């Protein structure tokens, strides 16, 4: 029998940005060290965007990845999730530093700097 410690990695993968930490194996998001509750879709969208900082994703790409289904009329669903996510992780949701809108295309994750 293999001891449990041998299986677990000492460092759990995390996406770390100024003021924001996403602990992937724990499915936890910390803003300035405080746990933030996110829905499954909010967490999925955040991880999808944050895994590729600076890369622009269309609403259809985000929808297909996070919802795991084809995007026929996804625009309002993605916009709603991004709006709620901004309210939870941004200091000022009207002037986001993490999730930026790319006009007529979609969204990108900025590193927060």
N, C-alpha and C. Protein backbone atom coordinates (compact mmCIF):
# COMPACT_ATOMS: atom_id res chain seq x y z
N UNK A 1 0.84 -1.19 0.00
CA UNK A 1 0.00 0.00 0.00
C UNK A 1 0.88 1.24 0.00
N UNK A 2 0.54 2.20 -0.84
CA UNK A 2 1.30 3.45 -0.95
C UNK A 2 0.73 4.46 0.04
N UNK A 3 1.61 5.09 0.82
CA UNK A 3 1.09 6.11 1.74
C UNK A 3 0.49 7.29 0.96
N UNK A 4 -0.55 7.87 1.53
CA UNK A 4 -1.27 8.95 0.87
C UNK A 4 -0.37 10.13 0.54
N UNK A 5 0.59 10.44 1.42
CA UNK A 5 1.49 11.58 1.19
C UNK A 5 2.28 11.43 -0.10
N UNK A 6 2.57 10.22 -0.49
CA UNK A 6 3.37 9.98 -1.69
C UNK A 6 2.59 10.35 -2.96
N UNK A 7 1.27 10.30 -2.89
CA UNK A 7 0.45 10.58 -4.07
C UNK A 7 0.22 12.08 -4.23
N UNK A 8 -0.02 12.78 -3.14
CA UNK A 8 -0.32 14.20 -3.20
C UNK A 8 0.94 15.01 -3.49
N UNK A 9 0.81 15.99 -4.36
CA UNK A 9 1.95 16.86 -4.63
C UNK A 9 2.05 17.88 -3.50
N UNK A 10 3.27 18.24 -3.12
CA UNK A 10 3.41 19.19 -2.02
C UNK A 10 2.86 20.57 -2.36
N UNK A 11 2.94 20.94 -3.63
CA UNK A 11 2.42 22.23 -4.06
C UNK A 11 1.20 22.02 -4.95
N UNK A 12 0.06 22.44 -4.50
CA UNK A 12 -1.13 22.35 -5.34
C UNK A 12 -1.04 23.44 -6.40
N UNK A 13 -1.37 23.11 -7.64
CA UNK A 13 -1.32 24.14 -8.67
C UNK A 13 -2.26 25.30 -8.35
N UNK A 14 -1.75 26.48 -8.58
CA UNK A 14 -2.55 27.68 -8.34
C UNK A 14 -2.20 28.72 -9.40
N UNK A 15 -3.19 29.53 -9.74
CA UNK A 15 -2.98 30.68 -10.61
C UNK A 15 -2.95 31.87 -9.67
N UNK A 16 -1.81 32.56 -9.62
CA UNK A 16 -1.65 33.65 -8.66
C UNK A 16 -1.42 34.96 -9.40
N UNK A 17 -2.22 35.95 -9.04
CA UNK A 17 -2.15 37.29 -9.61
C UNK A 17 -2.19 38.28 -8.46
N UNK A 18 -1.78 39.53 -8.68
CA UNK A 18 -1.84 40.51 -7.58
C UNK A 18 -3.25 40.60 -6.99
N UNK A 19 -3.40 40.23 -5.72
CA UNK A 19 -4.68 40.32 -5.04
C UNK A 19 -5.66 39.20 -5.32
N UNK A 20 -5.27 38.23 -6.18
CA UNK A 20 -6.20 37.16 -6.54
C UNK A 20 -5.44 35.84 -6.67
N UNK A 21 -5.98 34.80 -6.04
CA UNK A 21 -5.37 33.47 -6.12
C UNK A 21 -6.45 32.45 -6.43
N UNK A 22 -6.16 31.60 -7.43
CA UNK A 22 -7.10 30.54 -7.80
C UNK A 22 -6.39 29.22 -7.50
N UNK A 23 -6.87 28.51 -6.48
CA UNK A 23 -6.30 27.21 -6.10
C UNK A 23 -7.08 26.12 -6.81
N UNK A 24 -6.50 25.63 -7.89
CA UNK A 24 -7.21 24.74 -8.80
C UNK A 24 -7.66 23.43 -8.17
N UNK A 25 -6.79 22.75 -7.42
CA UNK A 25 -7.18 21.45 -6.84
C UNK A 25 -8.17 21.59 -5.70
N UNK A 26 -8.21 22.76 -5.09
CA UNK A 26 -9.15 22.97 -3.99
C UNK A 26 -10.44 23.62 -4.47
N UNK A 27 -10.45 24.07 -5.74
CA UNK A 27 -11.58 24.81 -6.31
C UNK A 27 -11.92 26.01 -5.43
N UNK A 28 -10.86 26.74 -5.04
CA UNK A 28 -11.01 27.92 -4.17
C UNK A 28 -10.47 29.15 -4.87
N UNK A 29 -11.13 30.27 -4.63
CA UNK A 29 -10.66 31.55 -5.12
C UNK A 29 -10.52 32.47 -3.91
N UNK A 30 -9.34 33.08 -3.81
CA UNK A 30 -9.10 34.01 -2.71
C UNK A 30 -8.81 35.40 -3.27
N UNK A 31 -9.53 36.37 -2.74
CA UNK A 31 -9.31 37.77 -3.11
C UNK A 31 -8.72 38.44 -1.88
N UNK A 32 -7.48 38.90 -2.00
CA UNK A 32 -6.76 39.49 -0.87
C UNK A 32 -6.78 38.56 0.34
N UNK A 33 -6.63 37.25 0.09
CA UNK A 33 -6.56 36.26 1.16
C UNK A 33 -7.90 35.78 1.68
N UNK A 34 -9.00 36.36 1.22
CA UNK A 34 -10.34 35.98 1.68
C UNK A 34 -11.01 35.07 0.65
N UNK A 35 -11.65 34.00 1.13
CA UNK A 35 -12.37 33.10 0.23
C UNK A 35 -13.54 33.82 -0.43
N UNK A 36 -13.70 33.59 -1.72
CA UNK A 36 -14.80 34.16 -2.49
C UNK A 36 -15.66 32.99 -2.99
N UNK A 37 -16.97 33.04 -2.73
CA UNK A 37 -17.85 32.00 -3.22
C UNK A 37 -18.20 32.28 -4.67
N UNK A 38 -17.95 31.29 -5.54
CA UNK A 38 -18.32 31.40 -6.95
C UNK A 38 -19.19 30.22 -7.34
N UNK A 39 -20.13 30.45 -8.23
CA UNK A 39 -20.93 29.36 -8.77
C UNK A 39 -20.05 28.52 -9.69
N UNK A 40 -20.53 27.39 -10.10
CA UNK A 40 -19.78 26.51 -11.00
C UNK A 40 -19.42 27.23 -12.29
N UNK A 41 -20.36 27.97 -12.85
CA UNK A 41 -20.12 28.67 -14.11
C UNK A 41 -19.16 29.84 -13.93
N UNK A 42 -19.29 30.58 -12.83
CA UNK A 42 -18.37 31.69 -12.56
C UNK A 42 -16.94 31.17 -12.40
N UNK A 43 -16.80 30.10 -11.63
CA UNK A 43 -15.48 29.51 -11.41
C UNK A 43 -14.89 28.99 -12.73
N UNK A 44 -15.72 28.32 -13.52
CA UNK A 44 -15.27 27.80 -14.81
C UNK A 44 -14.80 28.91 -15.74
N UNK A 45 -15.57 29.98 -15.80
CA UNK A 45 -15.21 31.11 -16.67
C UNK A 45 -13.92 31.77 -16.19
N UNK A 46 -13.78 31.94 -14.88
CA UNK A 46 -12.58 32.55 -14.33
C UNK A 46 -11.35 31.70 -14.64
N UNK A 47 -11.43 30.41 -14.40
CA UNK A 47 -10.29 29.52 -14.66
C UNK A 47 -9.94 29.49 -16.15
N UNK A 48 -10.96 29.45 -16.99
CA UNK A 48 -10.74 29.41 -18.44
C UNK A 48 -9.98 30.65 -18.90
N UNK A 49 -10.41 31.82 -18.44
CA UNK A 49 -9.76 33.07 -18.83
C UNK A 49 -8.39 33.23 -18.18
N UNK A 50 -8.31 32.95 -16.88
CA UNK A 50 -7.07 33.17 -16.13
C UNK A 50 -5.95 32.22 -16.53
N UNK A 51 -6.29 31.07 -17.10
CA UNK A 51 -5.27 30.10 -17.53
C UNK A 51 -4.46 30.63 -18.71
N UNK A 52 -5.00 31.63 -19.42
CA UNK A 52 -4.30 32.22 -20.58
C UNK A 52 -4.37 33.75 -20.51
N UNK A 53 -3.66 34.34 -19.55
CA UNK A 53 -3.72 35.81 -19.41
C UNK A 53 -3.33 36.51 -20.71
N UNK A 54 -4.10 37.53 -21.06
CA UNK A 54 -3.82 38.31 -22.25
C UNK A 54 -4.46 37.77 -23.52
N UNK A 55 -4.88 36.52 -23.51
CA UNK A 55 -5.50 35.93 -24.70
C UNK A 55 -6.98 36.33 -24.75
N UNK A 56 -7.42 36.73 -25.92
CA UNK A 56 -8.81 37.15 -26.10
C UNK A 56 -9.64 35.93 -26.49
N UNK A 57 -10.76 35.75 -25.79
CA UNK A 57 -11.69 34.66 -26.08
C UNK A 57 -13.03 35.24 -26.50
N UNK A 58 -13.66 34.63 -27.49
CA UNK A 58 -15.00 35.05 -27.87
C UNK A 58 -15.99 34.52 -26.84
N UNK A 59 -17.18 35.11 -26.83
CA UNK A 59 -18.23 34.61 -25.94
C UNK A 59 -18.56 33.16 -26.29
N UNK A 60 -18.53 32.83 -27.57
CA UNK A 60 -18.82 31.45 -27.99
C UNK A 60 -17.78 30.48 -27.45
N UNK A 61 -16.50 30.86 -27.49
CA UNK A 61 -15.44 29.99 -26.96
C UNK A 61 -15.63 29.77 -25.46
N UNK A 62 -15.93 30.83 -24.75
CA UNK A 62 -16.13 30.72 -23.30
C UNK A 62 -17.33 29.83 -23.02
N UNK A 63 -18.42 30.06 -23.74
CA UNK A 63 -19.63 29.28 -23.53
C UNK A 63 -19.38 27.80 -23.79
N UNK A 64 -18.77 27.48 -24.91
CA UNK A 64 -18.54 26.07 -25.26
C UNK A 64 -17.63 25.38 -24.25
N UNK A 65 -16.64 26.10 -23.74
CA UNK A 65 -15.72 25.50 -22.77
C UNK A 65 -16.35 25.33 -21.39
N UNK A 66 -17.00 26.38 -20.90
CA UNK A 66 -17.53 26.38 -19.53
C UNK A 66 -18.85 25.63 -19.41
N UNK A 67 -19.74 25.81 -20.38
CA UNK A 67 -21.05 25.16 -20.33
C UNK A 67 -20.97 23.75 -20.92
N UNK A 68 -19.91 23.46 -21.65
CA UNK A 68 -19.72 22.16 -22.31
C UNK A 68 -20.87 21.83 -23.26
N UNK A 69 -21.27 22.81 -24.02
CA UNK A 69 -22.31 22.59 -25.03
C UNK A 69 -22.11 23.58 -26.17
N UNK A 70 -22.76 23.31 -27.27
CA UNK A 70 -22.65 24.19 -28.44
C UNK A 70 -23.26 25.56 -28.13
N UNK A 71 -22.69 26.58 -28.73
CA UNK A 71 -23.16 27.94 -28.48
C UNK A 71 -24.05 28.42 -29.62
N UNK A 72 -25.32 28.47 -29.35
CA UNK A 72 -26.24 29.00 -30.35
C UNK A 72 -26.65 30.41 -29.97
N UNK A 73 -27.12 30.58 -28.75
CA UNK A 73 -27.46 31.94 -28.29
C UNK A 73 -26.85 32.13 -26.90
N UNK A 74 -25.54 32.16 -26.90
CA UNK A 74 -24.80 32.18 -25.63
C UNK A 74 -24.49 33.58 -25.12
N UNK A 75 -24.66 34.58 -25.96
CA UNK A 75 -24.18 35.93 -25.63
C UNK A 75 -24.62 36.42 -24.25
N UNK A 76 -25.91 36.36 -23.97
CA UNK A 76 -26.39 36.90 -22.70
C UNK A 76 -25.97 36.03 -21.52
N UNK A 77 -25.88 34.71 -21.71
CA UNK A 77 -25.43 33.84 -20.62
C UNK A 77 -24.01 34.16 -20.19
N UNK A 78 -23.11 34.29 -21.14
CA UNK A 78 -21.71 34.59 -20.84
C UNK A 78 -21.60 35.97 -20.20
N UNK A 79 -22.27 36.96 -20.78
CA UNK A 79 -22.22 38.33 -20.25
C UNK A 79 -22.72 38.37 -18.81
N UNK A 80 -23.77 37.64 -18.51
CA UNK A 80 -24.33 37.60 -17.16
C UNK A 80 -23.34 36.99 -16.17
N UNK A 81 -22.72 35.89 -16.54
CA UNK A 81 -21.75 35.23 -15.66
C UNK A 81 -20.54 36.14 -15.44
N UNK A 82 -20.04 36.78 -16.50
CA UNK A 82 -18.90 37.69 -16.37
C UNK A 82 -19.26 38.87 -15.47
N UNK A 83 -20.46 39.40 -15.62
CA UNK A 83 -20.92 40.52 -14.79
C UNK A 83 -20.93 40.11 -13.31
N UNK A 84 -21.50 38.96 -13.00
CA UNK A 84 -21.54 38.48 -11.61
C UNK A 84 -20.14 38.21 -11.08
N UNK A 85 -19.30 37.64 -11.91
CA UNK A 85 -17.92 37.35 -11.52
C UNK A 85 -17.16 38.63 -11.18
N UNK A 86 -17.35 39.64 -12.02
CA UNK A 86 -16.69 40.94 -11.76
C UNK A 86 -17.13 41.53 -10.42
N UNK A 87 -18.41 41.41 -10.10
CA UNK A 87 -18.92 41.95 -8.82
C UNK A 87 -18.22 41.28 -7.64
N UNK A 88 -17.81 40.03 -7.82
CA UNK A 88 -17.20 39.28 -6.72
C UNK A 88 -15.69 39.44 -6.63
N UNK A 89 -15.00 39.58 -7.76
CA UNK A 89 -13.53 39.61 -7.70
C UNK A 89 -12.90 40.98 -7.96
N UNK A 90 -13.64 41.87 -8.56
CA UNK A 90 -13.08 43.18 -8.89
C UNK A 90 -13.31 44.18 -7.76
N UNK A 91 -12.36 45.10 -7.59
CA UNK A 91 -12.52 46.17 -6.62
C UNK A 91 -13.66 47.08 -7.06
N UNK A 92 -13.68 47.38 -8.36
CA UNK A 92 -14.72 48.21 -8.97
C UNK A 92 -15.17 47.48 -10.24
N UNK A 93 -16.35 46.88 -10.20
CA UNK A 93 -16.81 46.06 -11.33
C UNK A 93 -17.03 46.88 -12.61
N UNK A 94 -17.16 48.20 -12.47
CA UNK A 94 -17.33 49.06 -13.65
C UNK A 94 -15.99 49.37 -14.33
N UNK A 95 -14.90 49.25 -13.58
CA UNK A 95 -13.55 49.46 -14.10
C UNK A 95 -12.69 48.24 -13.75
N UNK A 96 -12.95 47.11 -14.37
CA UNK A 96 -12.27 45.87 -14.00
C UNK A 96 -10.77 45.88 -14.30
N UNK A 97 -10.01 45.23 -13.40
CA UNK A 97 -8.58 45.08 -13.66
C UNK A 97 -8.24 43.66 -14.08
N UNK A 98 -9.10 42.71 -13.77
CA UNK A 98 -8.83 41.31 -14.12
C UNK A 98 -9.50 40.89 -15.43
N UNK A 99 -10.80 41.05 -15.52
CA UNK A 99 -11.52 40.60 -16.71
C UNK A 99 -11.91 41.80 -17.56
N UNK A 100 -11.23 41.93 -18.67
CA UNK A 100 -11.43 43.07 -19.57
C UNK A 100 -12.33 42.68 -20.74
N UNK A 101 -13.18 43.60 -21.14
CA UNK A 101 -14.02 43.41 -22.32
C UNK A 101 -13.22 43.83 -23.55
N UNK A 102 -13.27 42.99 -24.58
CA UNK A 102 -12.66 43.33 -25.86
C UNK A 102 -13.84 43.57 -26.80
N UNK A 103 -14.08 44.85 -27.09
CA UNK A 103 -15.27 45.26 -27.85
C UNK A 103 -15.52 44.44 -29.10
N UNK A 104 -16.74 43.99 -29.25
CA UNK A 104 -17.21 43.22 -30.41
C UNK A 104 -16.54 41.85 -30.56
N UNK A 105 -15.75 41.43 -29.56
CA UNK A 105 -15.10 40.11 -29.66
C UNK A 105 -15.46 39.24 -28.46
N UNK A 106 -15.08 39.68 -27.27
CA UNK A 106 -15.34 38.87 -26.08
C UNK A 106 -14.62 39.43 -24.87
N UNK A 107 -13.80 38.57 -24.22
CA UNK A 107 -13.15 38.94 -22.98
C UNK A 107 -11.72 38.41 -22.94
N UNK A 108 -10.92 39.06 -22.08
CA UNK A 108 -9.58 38.55 -21.80
C UNK A 108 -9.29 38.78 -20.33
N UNK A 109 -8.38 37.97 -19.81
CA UNK A 109 -7.97 38.10 -18.42
C UNK A 109 -6.67 38.89 -18.40
N UNK A 110 -6.67 39.98 -17.66
CA UNK A 110 -5.45 40.76 -17.46
C UNK A 110 -4.88 40.34 -16.12
N UNK A 111 -3.61 40.49 -15.93
CA UNK A 111 -2.97 39.98 -14.71
C UNK A 111 -3.30 40.78 -13.45
N UNK A 112 -4.02 41.87 -13.60
CA UNK A 112 -4.38 42.65 -12.41
C UNK A 112 -3.36 43.72 -12.08
N UNK A 113 -2.38 43.92 -12.94
CA UNK A 113 -1.34 44.93 -12.69
C UNK A 113 -1.62 46.17 -13.50
